[in-house]
Amino acid sequence: MITLFARVTCRQRKPSFQIKSSHVLHEPIGVQQTRHFHPIIYSALSFGGRISAALLGRSMRKKLSKLPELEQKQKKKSLLKFFGILSGALVCGMSVSYLKHRDRVLFTGRKRSVTVGEKQMREIADLTEKAILDQYEGKVLSAKSQIHRVVELAAAKVLRANRDLEAVSNIPWKLTVVHSPTKNAFVLPNGHIFVFTGFITEFVQNEHQLAFVLAHEIAHVLLKHSAEKNSQLSWKLLFDVAVTLLAFVGLGEWSASLLSIMASYFYELALDQPYSRLMENEADEVGLMLIAKACYDIREACAMWKLVSMKVQVEDFGGGKEKGSFLSTHPSFETRANNLGLAMERANHIRAGRHCAPLQSPDPVQSVERVKQELDKLGPVAPGTKVKILQDEVPGRKAIKLYQV
């Protein structure tokens, strides 16, 4: 077992456990929300749509094959003309829909189109919330537990500092901490924050990093990413159905099936996953601004992703560099750390405007870099090596522990 660490003199405020605990973090002054398709609903629609398109296309192809050759050509020309008109109508409809529902993303100003209704999204979110609470019944920590208090303190501080935003003050924020090894944290579009203890113990060193994780997830809600993603799923559904129908009309069943599957994967690789990575980077950037307004140490956000990147490099790539994120819905942790580094100047400006205490030197990121240098000196790591990111029990201490499973 090897422990690598580096010290910096940046002092950090210890979490206060004196805050009044409650599952409701903020009472709403209005209702304004968005949400995502339930996965089962979308899967059913996608599967049903493609099967229906395949059956219709195969039926049309069989009818064509029974016609005389000359009549087949005429029918094919008519079908091509019909599909051409239909495609043009769909493109025009999508363009009109985009223009009608276009808006700009909060903070970043990115243009987008959100077509999903908020009322339906809220209803699905409530169902999702109930399903999660039922699934983890008996594992939800009491509001009086120490871990819950730490998480609540960080979440409440971020939300209070940003209550000037209408999107924050209009949501009834709630918190649930689940005792589970699951490495996850997320916020439903109805404002229910879920944090799993496995994520905290595995990746988070201190309150500053915890606040950033919460702010990142809160940012997804403020930016209405779920509704935006859901709007994209609607277009993907139309794309899959159209390609499947055309494939089964013009090709044999095996060729048509293969083309339909390849087209769906192409859509995901070329459009869906890059779009997801864009939203993750956006939530990182906005989350950084949220914790800057709360006077947290913004450098810890970058330090956290660098530490997680180091962990992934050792455990998944034998100490080598993280592989590219082309096949992933999330950017690599190294990329996320670099992107946050580019946003530090703006975050510092926001932090200064809130009259926060100056950030002390040296930078926590430099401490992580020294840990990385110590790790590199060890050379190639043995297969099965795991990394434990140690909490900041001493102010400014950055450390990891290597061990074999």
Protein backbone atom coordinates (compact mmCIF):
# COMPACT_ATOMS: atom_id res chain seq x y z
CA MET A 1 0.00 0.00 0.00
CA ILE A 2 1.47 3.37 -1.04
CA THR A 3 0.24 6.80 0.02
CA LEU A 4 1.16 9.82 -2.12
CA PHE A 5 0.43 13.33 -0.92
CA ALA A 6 1.38 16.97 -1.24
CA ARG A 7 0.79 19.83 1.16
CA VAL A 8 -0.37 23.34 0.36
CA THR A 9 -1.10 26.17 2.77
CA CYS A 10 -4.54 26.99 1.40
CA ARG A 11 -6.72 26.83 4.50
CA GLN A 12 -10.28 25.60 4.12
CA ARG A 13 -13.30 26.22 6.31
CA LYS A 14 -14.37 23.07 8.07
CA PRO A 15 -18.00 22.06 7.45
CA SER A 16 -20.37 23.36 10.07
CA PHE A 17 -22.76 20.80 11.48
CA GLN A 18 -24.88 23.37 13.34
CA ILE A 19 -27.18 24.16 10.42
CA LYS A 20 -30.82 23.25 10.92
CA SER A 21 -31.52 20.11 8.88
CA SER A 22 -34.62 19.67 6.79
CA HIS A 23 -35.51 17.71 3.69
CA VAL A 24 -36.96 20.89 2.15
CA LEU A 25 -34.14 23.33 1.39
CA HIS A 26 -36.16 26.15 -0.09
CA GLU A 27 -39.86 26.95 -0.31
CA PRO A 28 -41.00 27.89 -3.84
CA ILE A 29 -42.45 31.26 -4.79
CA GLY A 30 -43.68 29.85 -8.08
CA VAL A 31 -43.49 26.86 -10.38
CA GLN A 32 -41.28 26.69 -13.44
CA GLN A 33 -39.77 23.36 -14.44
CA THR A 34 -38.85 20.89 -17.12
CA ARG A 35 -38.14 17.16 -17.24
CA HIS A 36 -37.05 14.14 -19.19
CA PHE A 37 -38.91 11.25 -20.84
CA HIS A 38 -39.19 8.23 -18.60
CA PRO A 39 -36.73 5.68 -20.10
CA ILE A 40 -39.42 2.99 -20.34
CA ILE A 41 -41.76 5.33 -22.21
CA TYR A 42 -39.09 6.36 -24.68
CA SER A 43 -37.90 2.77 -25.22
CA ALA A 44 -41.48 1.67 -25.90
CA LEU A 45 -42.06 4.51 -28.35
CA SER A 46 -38.75 3.90 -30.12
CA PHE A 47 -39.19 0.14 -30.37
CA GLY A 48 -42.84 0.39 -31.39
CA GLY A 49 -42.14 3.07 -33.98
CA ARG A 50 -39.32 1.15 -35.63
CA ILE A 51 -41.22 -2.14 -35.64
CA SER A 52 -44.26 -0.45 -37.19
CA ALA A 53 -42.07 1.24 -39.80
CA ALA A 54 -40.36 -2.08 -40.61
CA LEU A 55 -43.67 -3.92 -41.01
CA LEU A 56 -45.14 -1.16 -43.16
CA GLY A 57 -42.01 -0.97 -45.33
CA ARG A 58 -41.88 -4.75 -45.79
CA SER A 59 -45.58 -4.84 -46.71
CA MET A 60 -45.08 -2.11 -49.30
CA ARG A 61 -42.04 -3.88 -50.76
CA LYS A 62 -43.93 -7.19 -51.09
CA LYS A 63 -46.83 -5.49 -52.82
CA LEU A 64 -44.43 -3.85 -55.25
CA SER A 65 -42.71 -7.16 -56.03
CA LYS A 66 -46.02 -8.67 -57.20
CA LEU A 67 -46.62 -5.96 -59.79
CA PRO A 68 -45.44 -6.14 -63.42
CA GLU A 69 -42.00 -4.61 -64.02
CA LEU A 70 -43.30 -1.49 -65.78
CA GLU A 71 -45.88 -0.83 -63.06
CA GLN A 72 -43.20 -1.42 -60.40
CA LYS A 73 -41.09 1.38 -61.87
CA GLN A 74 -44.05 3.73 -61.94
CA LYS A 75 -44.98 2.91 -58.36
CA LYS A 76 -41.38 3.36 -57.20
CA LYS A 77 -41.26 6.77 -58.85
CA SER A 78 -44.53 7.71 -57.13
CA LEU A 79 -43.19 6.49 -53.79
CA LEU A 80 -39.95 8.41 -54.21
CA LYS A 81 -41.93 11.53 -55.03
CA PHE A 82 -44.18 10.94 -52.01
CA PHE A 83 -41.23 10.39 -49.65
CA GLY A 84 -39.53 13.46 -51.08
CA ILE A 85 -42.58 15.62 -50.39
CA LEU A 86 -42.96 14.06 -46.93
CA SER A 87 -39.29 14.68 -46.13
CA GLY A 88 -39.58 18.27 -47.25
CA ALA A 89 -42.68 18.73 -45.11
CA LEU A 90 -40.87 17.24 -42.09
CA VAL A 91 -37.86 19.52 -42.59
CA CYS A 92 -40.15 22.54 -42.88
CA GLY A 93 -42.08 21.45 -39.80
CA MET A 94 -38.88 20.94 -37.80
CA SER A 95 -37.62 24.36 -38.91
CA VAL A 96 -40.85 26.05 -37.86
CA SER A 97 -40.82 24.17 -34.55
CA TYR A 98 -37.21 25.18 -33.92
CA LEU A 99 -37.92 28.84 -34.63
CA LYS A 100 -41.08 28.80 -32.50
CA HIS A 101 -39.43 27.22 -29.46
CA ARG A 102 -35.94 28.68 -29.68
CA ASP A 103 -34.40 30.42 -26.70
CA ARG A 104 -31.00 31.02 -25.13
CA VAL A 105 -29.39 29.03 -22.35
CA LEU A 106 -29.07 30.79 -19.03
CA PHE A 107 -25.51 32.09 -18.39
CA THR A 108 -23.93 30.79 -21.60
CA GLY A 109 -26.33 32.33 -24.13
CA ARG A 110 -26.21 29.27 -26.39
CA LYS A 111 -29.09 29.10 -28.86
CA ARG A 112 -31.31 26.03 -28.72
CA SER A 113 -34.88 24.79 -29.19
CA VAL A 114 -36.94 23.17 -26.41
CA THR A 115 -40.23 21.67 -27.56
CA VAL A 116 -41.21 19.54 -24.56
CA GLY A 117 -44.04 20.80 -22.35
CA GLU A 118 -43.17 21.66 -18.75
CA LYS A 119 -46.35 20.22 -17.24
CA GLN A 120 -45.71 16.76 -18.69
CA MET A 121 -42.08 16.92 -17.59
CA ARG A 122 -43.06 17.72 -13.99
CA GLU A 123 -45.46 14.81 -13.88
CA ILE A 124 -42.81 12.38 -15.12
CA ALA A 125 -40.31 13.78 -12.62
CA ASP A 126 -42.70 13.14 -9.75
CA LEU A 127 -43.13 9.54 -10.91
CA THR A 128 -39.36 9.14 -11.18
CA GLU A 129 -38.91 10.58 -7.69
CA LYS A 130 -41.39 8.11 -6.21
CA ALA A 131 -39.74 5.17 -8.02
CA ILE A 132 -36.30 6.13 -6.65
CA LEU A 133 -37.57 6.54 -3.10
CA ASP A 134 -39.32 3.16 -3.31
CA GLN A 135 -36.19 1.52 -4.70
CA TYR A 136 -33.99 2.79 -1.86
CA GLU A 137 -36.53 2.49 0.94
CA GLY A 138 -34.74 1.88 4.22
CA LYS A 139 -31.45 3.30 2.88
CA VAL A 140 -32.32 7.01 3.09
CA LEU A 141 -30.28 8.74 5.79
CA SER A 142 -31.96 10.78 8.48
CA ALA A 143 -31.85 14.55 8.15
CA LYS A 144 -30.02 14.53 11.49
CA SER A 145 -27.19 12.31 10.27
CA GLN A 146 -23.76 13.90 9.90
CA ILE A 147 -23.43 13.15 6.18
CA HIS A 148 -26.87 14.59 5.46
CA ARG A 149 -25.97 17.74 7.36
CA VAL A 150 -22.74 18.20 5.42
CA VAL A 151 -24.51 17.79 2.09
CA GLU A 152 -27.38 20.02 3.17
CA LEU A 153 -24.98 22.74 4.28
CA ALA A 154 -23.24 22.81 0.92
CA ALA A 155 -26.47 22.65 -1.10
CA ALA A 156 -28.21 25.32 0.97
CA LYS A 157 -25.23 27.65 0.74
CA VAL A 158 -25.11 27.35 -3.06
CA LEU A 159 -28.86 27.90 -3.39
CA ARG A 160 -28.94 30.86 -0.99
CA ALA A 161 -26.11 32.56 -2.83
CA ASN A 162 -27.99 32.21 -6.12
CA ARG A 163 -31.53 32.96 -4.96
CA ASP A 164 -31.46 36.15 -7.06
CA LEU A 165 -31.94 33.85 -10.07
CA GLU A 166 -35.62 33.31 -10.82
CA ALA A 167 -34.91 29.72 -11.87
CA VAL A 168 -33.54 29.01 -8.37
CA SER A 169 -36.22 30.74 -6.33
CA ASN A 170 -39.08 29.13 -8.30
CA ILE A 171 -38.15 25.53 -7.48
CA PRO A 172 -39.04 23.63 -4.25
CA TRP A 173 -35.61 22.16 -3.59
CA LYS A 174 -35.43 18.95 -1.55
CA LEU A 175 -32.57 16.73 -0.49
CA THR A 176 -32.27 12.97 -0.06
CA VAL A 177 -28.99 11.29 0.87
CA VAL A 178 -28.93 7.55 0.21
CA HIS A 179 -26.57 5.19 2.03
CA SER A 180 -25.39 3.13 -0.93
CA PRO A 181 -22.09 2.30 -2.65
CA THR A 182 -23.59 3.69 -5.87
CA LYS A 183 -21.25 6.38 -7.21
CA ASN A 184 -23.83 8.91 -8.29
CA ALA A 185 -25.47 12.25 -7.57
CA PHE A 186 -28.21 13.94 -9.56
CA VAL A 187 -31.05 16.42 -9.34
CA LEU A 188 -34.47 15.75 -10.81
CA PRO A 189 -36.05 18.63 -12.71
CA ASN A 190 -38.58 19.06 -9.88
CA GLY A 191 -35.70 20.13 -7.60
CA HIS A 192 -35.21 16.87 -5.68
CA ILE A 193 -31.49 16.41 -5.03
CA PHE A 194 -30.27 12.81 -4.65
CA VAL A 195 -26.77 12.10 -3.35
CA PHE A 196 -25.37 8.60 -2.80
CA THR A 197 -22.76 8.13 -0.10
CA GLY A 198 -20.67 6.01 -2.48
CA PHE A 199 -19.98 9.08 -4.59
CA ILE A 200 -18.88 11.15 -1.60
CA THR A 201 -16.54 8.52 -0.17
CA GLU A 202 -15.09 7.62 -3.57
CA PHE A 203 -14.45 11.01 -5.18
CA VAL A 204 -14.99 13.99 -2.84
CA GLN A 205 -12.24 15.37 -0.62
CA ASN A 206 -13.87 18.37 1.01
CA GLU A 207 -16.88 20.65 1.19
CA HIS A 208 -15.70 22.81 -1.72
CA GLN A 209 -15.66 19.85 -4.07
CA LEU A 210 -18.99 18.60 -2.74
CA ALA A 211 -20.49 22.03 -3.40
CA PHE A 212 -19.22 21.93 -6.98
CA VAL A 213 -20.74 18.49 -7.63
CA LEU A 214 -24.08 19.71 -6.28
CA ALA A 215 -23.83 22.94 -8.27
CA HIS A 216 -23.08 20.96 -11.44
CA GLU A 217 -26.23 18.89 -10.98
CA ILE A 218 -28.29 21.95 -10.01
CA ALA A 219 -27.00 23.65 -13.17
CA HIS A 220 -28.51 20.88 -15.31
CA VAL A 221 -31.91 21.80 -13.84
CA LEU A 222 -31.46 25.57 -14.15
CA LEU A 223 -30.38 25.18 -17.78
CA LYS A 224 -33.32 22.86 -18.51
CA HIS A 225 -31.02 20.26 -20.00
CA SER A 226 -33.52 17.45 -19.42
CA ALA A 227 -36.18 19.19 -21.51
CA GLU A 228 -33.59 20.03 -24.16
CA LYS A 229 -32.38 16.45 -24.27
CA ASN A 230 -35.94 15.22 -24.44
CA SER A 231 -36.60 17.48 -27.43
CA GLN A 232 -33.61 15.91 -29.17
CA LEU A 233 -35.00 12.44 -28.44
CA SER A 234 -38.16 13.38 -30.32
CA TRP A 235 -36.12 14.18 -33.44
CA LYS A 236 -34.13 10.96 -33.05
CA LEU A 237 -37.37 9.00 -32.88
CA LEU A 238 -38.53 10.55 -36.15
CA PHE A 239 -35.12 9.88 -37.73
CA ASP A 240 -35.15 6.20 -36.71
CA VAL A 241 -38.69 5.65 -38.00
CA ALA A 242 -38.03 7.40 -41.33
CA VAL A 243 -34.77 5.51 -42.01
CA THR A 244 -36.34 2.17 -41.04
CA LEU A 245 -39.34 2.72 -43.31
CA LEU A 246 -37.20 3.69 -46.32
CA ALA A 247 -34.77 0.80 -45.71
CA PHE A 248 -37.49 -1.85 -45.59
CA VAL A 249 -39.19 -0.50 -48.71
CA GLY A 250 -36.05 -0.57 -50.84
CA LEU A 251 -33.92 -3.39 -49.37
CA GLY A 252 -34.20 -6.97 -48.17
CA GLU A 253 -34.95 -7.62 -44.51
CA TRP A 254 -31.37 -8.35 -43.39
CA SER A 255 -29.88 -5.40 -45.29
CA ALA A 256 -32.67 -3.11 -44.10
CA SER A 257 -32.22 -4.20 -40.47
CA LEU A 258 -28.48 -3.61 -40.65
CA LEU A 259 -28.92 -0.18 -42.25
CA SER A 260 -31.49 0.82 -39.62
CA ILE A 261 -29.20 -0.18 -36.76
CA MET A 262 -26.15 1.51 -38.31
CA ALA A 263 -28.11 4.72 -38.95
CA SER A 264 -29.26 4.80 -35.31
CA TYR A 265 -25.69 4.35 -34.02
CA PHE A 266 -24.46 6.99 -36.46
CA TYR A 267 -27.01 9.45 -35.09
CA GLU A 268 -25.84 8.76 -31.55
CA LEU A 269 -22.15 9.12 -32.38
CA ALA A 270 -22.47 12.12 -34.67
CA LEU A 271 -25.19 14.11 -32.91
CA ASP A 272 -26.51 12.69 -29.65
CA GLN A 273 -23.31 12.01 -27.72
CA PRO A 274 -21.50 15.22 -28.75
CA TYR A 275 -24.62 17.11 -27.67
CA SER A 276 -24.54 15.34 -24.29
CA ARG A 277 -20.86 16.22 -23.85
CA LEU A 278 -21.67 19.84 -24.67
CA MET A 279 -24.30 19.94 -21.93
CA GLU A 280 -21.94 18.33 -19.40
CA ASN A 281 -19.28 20.97 -20.12
CA GLU A 282 -21.97 23.63 -19.86
CA ALA A 283 -23.13 22.34 -16.47
CA ASP A 284 -19.51 22.30 -15.27
CA GLU A 285 -19.02 25.92 -16.32
CA VAL A 286 -22.29 27.15 -14.82
CA GLY A 287 -21.74 25.06 -11.68
CA LEU A 288 -18.40 26.81 -11.26
CA MET A 289 -20.14 30.20 -11.45
CA LEU A 290 -22.72 29.08 -8.86
CA ILE A 291 -20.09 28.11 -6.29
CA ALA A 292 -18.15 31.31 -7.07
CA LYS A 293 -21.20 33.29 -5.94
CA ALA A 294 -21.26 31.15 -2.78
CA CYS A 295 -17.61 32.07 -2.04
CA TYR A 296 -16.32 28.51 -2.28
CA ASP A 297 -12.79 27.81 -3.46
CA ILE A 298 -13.41 27.50 -7.20
CA ARG A 299 -10.00 25.90 -7.75
CA GLU A 300 -11.19 22.78 -5.95
CA ALA A 301 -13.51 21.99 -8.87
CA CYS A 302 -10.57 21.64 -11.21
CA ALA A 303 -8.56 19.80 -8.57
CA MET A 304 -11.35 17.27 -8.11
CA TRP A 305 -11.61 16.36 -11.81
CA LYS A 306 -7.83 16.06 -11.98
CA LEU A 307 -7.83 13.66 -9.04
CA VAL A 308 -10.65 11.62 -10.57
CA SER A 309 -8.75 11.59 -13.87
CA MET A 310 -5.70 10.27 -12.03
CA LYS A 311 -7.83 7.54 -10.45
CA VAL A 312 -9.29 6.52 -13.82
CA GLN A 313 -5.87 6.49 -15.47
CA VAL A 314 -4.52 4.07 -12.86
CA GLU A 315 -7.55 1.80 -12.52
CA ASP A 316 -8.75 1.68 -16.12
CA PHE A 317 -5.70 2.43 -18.25
CA GLY A 318 -2.80 1.00 -16.21
CA GLY A 319 -1.41 4.44 -15.45
CA GLY A 320 -1.67 5.62 -19.04
CA LYS A 321 -3.54 8.63 -20.35
CA GLU A 322 -7.34 8.67 -20.42
CA LYS A 323 -8.73 7.58 -23.75
CA GLY A 324 -10.79 9.99 -25.81
CA SER A 325 -14.47 10.56 -25.08
CA PHE A 326 -15.72 10.04 -28.65
CA LEU A 327 -17.88 7.07 -27.63
CA SER A 328 -19.04 8.59 -24.34
CA THR A 329 -21.88 10.88 -23.30
CA HIS A 330 -19.44 12.64 -20.92
CA PRO A 331 -16.13 14.37 -21.66
CA SER A 332 -13.01 12.82 -20.17
CA PHE A 333 -12.18 14.03 -16.67
CA GLU A 334 -8.93 15.53 -17.92
CA THR A 335 -10.85 17.51 -20.55
CA ARG A 336 -13.32 18.70 -17.93
CA ALA A 337 -10.50 19.90 -15.69
CA ASN A 338 -8.91 21.77 -18.59
CA ASN A 339 -12.22 23.39 -19.55
CA LEU A 340 -12.75 24.55 -15.98
CA GLY A 341 -9.27 26.05 -16.04
CA LEU A 342 -10.34 28.21 -18.97
CA ALA A 343 -13.39 29.43 -17.04
CA MET A 344 -11.46 30.38 -13.87
CA GLU A 345 -10.95 34.02 -14.83
CA ARG A 346 -14.68 34.64 -15.20
CA ALA A 347 -15.42 32.73 -11.99
CA ASN A 348 -12.81 34.76 -10.12
CA HIS A 349 -14.44 37.95 -11.36
CA ILE A 350 -17.83 36.77 -10.06
CA ARG A 351 -16.30 35.75 -6.75
CA ALA A 352 -14.63 39.14 -6.33
CA GLY A 353 -17.95 40.85 -6.98
CA ARG A 354 -19.43 38.98 -4.00
CA HIS A 355 -16.68 40.36 -1.71
CA CYS A 356 -15.48 36.85 -0.83
CA ALA A 357 -12.27 36.31 1.09
CA PRO A 358 -9.29 36.19 -1.30
CA LEU A 359 -8.15 32.75 -2.42
CA GLN A 360 -4.98 31.82 -0.63
CA SER A 361 -1.87 30.53 -2.34
CA PRO A 362 -0.65 28.05 -3.45
CA ASP A 363 -3.32 26.71 -5.75
CA PRO A 364 -4.82 23.31 -4.74
CA VAL A 365 -4.45 22.28 -8.38
CA GLN A 366 -0.69 22.61 -8.00
CA SER A 367 -0.88 20.21 -5.08
CA VAL A 368 -2.66 17.68 -7.30
CA GLU A 369 0.00 18.13 -9.96
CA ARG A 370 2.68 17.29 -7.40
CA VAL A 371 0.79 14.13 -6.47
CA LYS A 372 0.67 13.26 -10.16
CA GLN A 373 4.44 13.76 -10.43
CA GLU A 374 4.99 11.43 -7.48
CA LEU A 375 2.73 8.86 -9.13
CA ASP A 376 4.64 9.12 -12.41
CA LYS A 377 7.91 8.41 -10.58
CA LEU A 378 6.58 5.00 -9.57
CA GLY A 379 6.44 3.94 -13.21
CA PRO A 380 3.90 1.45 -14.61
CA VAL A 381 1.37 0.29 -12.05
CA ALA A 382 0.53 -3.37 -11.51
CA PRO A 383 -2.76 -4.73 -12.84
CA GLY A 384 -5.54 -4.52 -10.27
CA THR A 385 -4.13 -1.40 -8.61
CA LYS A 386 -6.82 0.80 -7.10
CA VAL A 387 -6.71 4.45 -6.06
CA LYS A 388 -8.32 5.82 -2.91
CA ILE A 389 -8.77 9.62 -2.93
CA LEU A 390 -8.23 10.66 0.68
CA GLN A 391 -10.31 13.37 2.30
CA ASP A 392 -8.72 16.67 3.33
CA GLU A 393 -8.40 15.88 7.03
CA VAL A 394 -5.55 18.39 7.12
CA PRO A 395 -6.31 21.75 5.44
CA GLY A 396 -4.83 21.84 1.96
CA ARG A 397 -3.66 18.25 1.95
CA LYS A 398 -4.05 16.40 -1.34
CA ALA A 399 -3.42 12.70 -1.17
CA ILE A 400 -4.21 9.39 -2.81
CA LYS A 401 -3.57 5.83 -1.64
CA LEU A 402 -2.63 2.99 -3.99
CA TYR A 403 -3.60 -0.55 -3.04
CA GLN A 404 -4.19 -3.97 -4.58
CA VAL A 405 -7.55 -5.72 -4.52
